[in-house]
Amino acid sequence: MRHFLLWVFLFCAVAVQGQTTALNFRAIKWAEVLATAKKTHKPIFFYAWSPSCGPCVGMARDVFPDSAVARYYNANFVSYKANIDEGEGKVLASKYGIQSLPAYLYFTPEGKPLHRSGSGKPAAAFIEDGKDALNPSKAYFALKERYAKGDRTPGLLYSLSSAPGIMQEQALCNQVTDQYLKTQSAQEMASPKNQEYIFNQNVAYESAASRYFLQHQPAFVSQFGQEAVSRKTLNIISQAARPFGGKNDLVGLGKFQQSIGQLLPGESKQWQDVAHIQYLLSQRQRNWPAYVEAILAYGQQFTAQDSHTLYEATVYLTAFVEDQSLLTKADQIILQAIRVAKTQTYLVARAKLLHKLGNDAEATIVATEAIAAATKAGESPRDATAFLAEIKK
């Protein structure tokens, strides 16, 4: 009898432990999730994903199985996931305005929206999302409701514009960010808190935050480093230039480049060239020869400052271009980047390009170099190893 009771105890202990070894998503319909939440008085966590979403793969592999994540979410939420490419997931994505993946939505037990977040992130940050959902001072929809009722205090404006959920509403993000900055004096704008706030905002080129960042770059370099500041500048300029390409609006592009010259007089040539490159890339009928020549010219001047744009060009050309002469020039482009930074990412990009050119022997050599580069940098050589396995099939 004692042995039997001991066996039962151990079995139950293992069973309980098993329940907390991974986040428990309910394999039921959304209506049943709502019913279960209402019955158990537990809020809902809804995870929206897609098989084509890279960060979703990382979350499923590294975060959802985390024991701390499992303990927190299994104890506090009824959790549900849906593939937004099909069935009920597609309907829910439309209903709740899901625009990017992965998306994390939180609801009250009655199904009222509480909070919204997203992107790939470590376990601790993902747990923090869940805690924010249950905190009225941080939950996105609670903040948004206070704003709708007329609250324009600096604290509310700061919290709302910093909430991850607002990134799904870009116009509102631009508006609230500008309203917050108008409450700050020149001295307050230069504070470490506001410098970090401005640096972390993903707002339009025309916004006060972006303008301040571009006009005060040395101050941001001292706090965040030249590489991070250059990458943010690249993102701001690229996002602003793409709509001109989609409309084939050369006049608009020219005015935008003039504006860049006024905001960044010492670096105007580089960023005006970036705007032109993004314009060419965003055209509906892409002029690939013109794009390649623009990238080659840009690389000759600015590879040391911005090898990422050359890498990006190589990826696009490998994916969408079949012309062998253009792909050969693409190899010149990625070689410029590799001379500056011999990373696994750049080497794998070149290996894939060489594979498309039919040169598997050299592609294998470059992929092997990528594994060595990853090992030297203390990174996982997963991408290079996977590519090697692919071309050996």
Foldseek 3Di string as FASTA:
>chain_A
DVVVVVVVVVVVVVVVQVQQQFADADPDDPVVQLVVLLVVQAKAKEWEDAPVDPLVVVCVPAARRHNVLSVLDVVHHRYHYDYCVDDPNVVVCVVVVPDDPGKIWMAGSNRHTQAIAHDRDHNVVVSVRVVLSVPLLQTQVSLVVVVVVPDLDLSSLLRNLPGRVCVSVQVVNLVSVLSNVVVDDPVRCLDPVNLVSLLPGDHACPGPSNLVCLQPVVSNCVVPNLLSSLVSLLSRLLVHLLVCLCVVPPVVLVVVLVVLCVSHVPCSVLSNLSSVLSSQVNHPPHPLVVNLVSLVVSLVPDLLNDLPVLLVNLQVCLPPPLDLVSLVSNLVSLVSNCVNPVELSSLLSNLSSCVSNVNNVVSLVSLVSNCVRCVVVVHHSVSSVVVNVVVVD
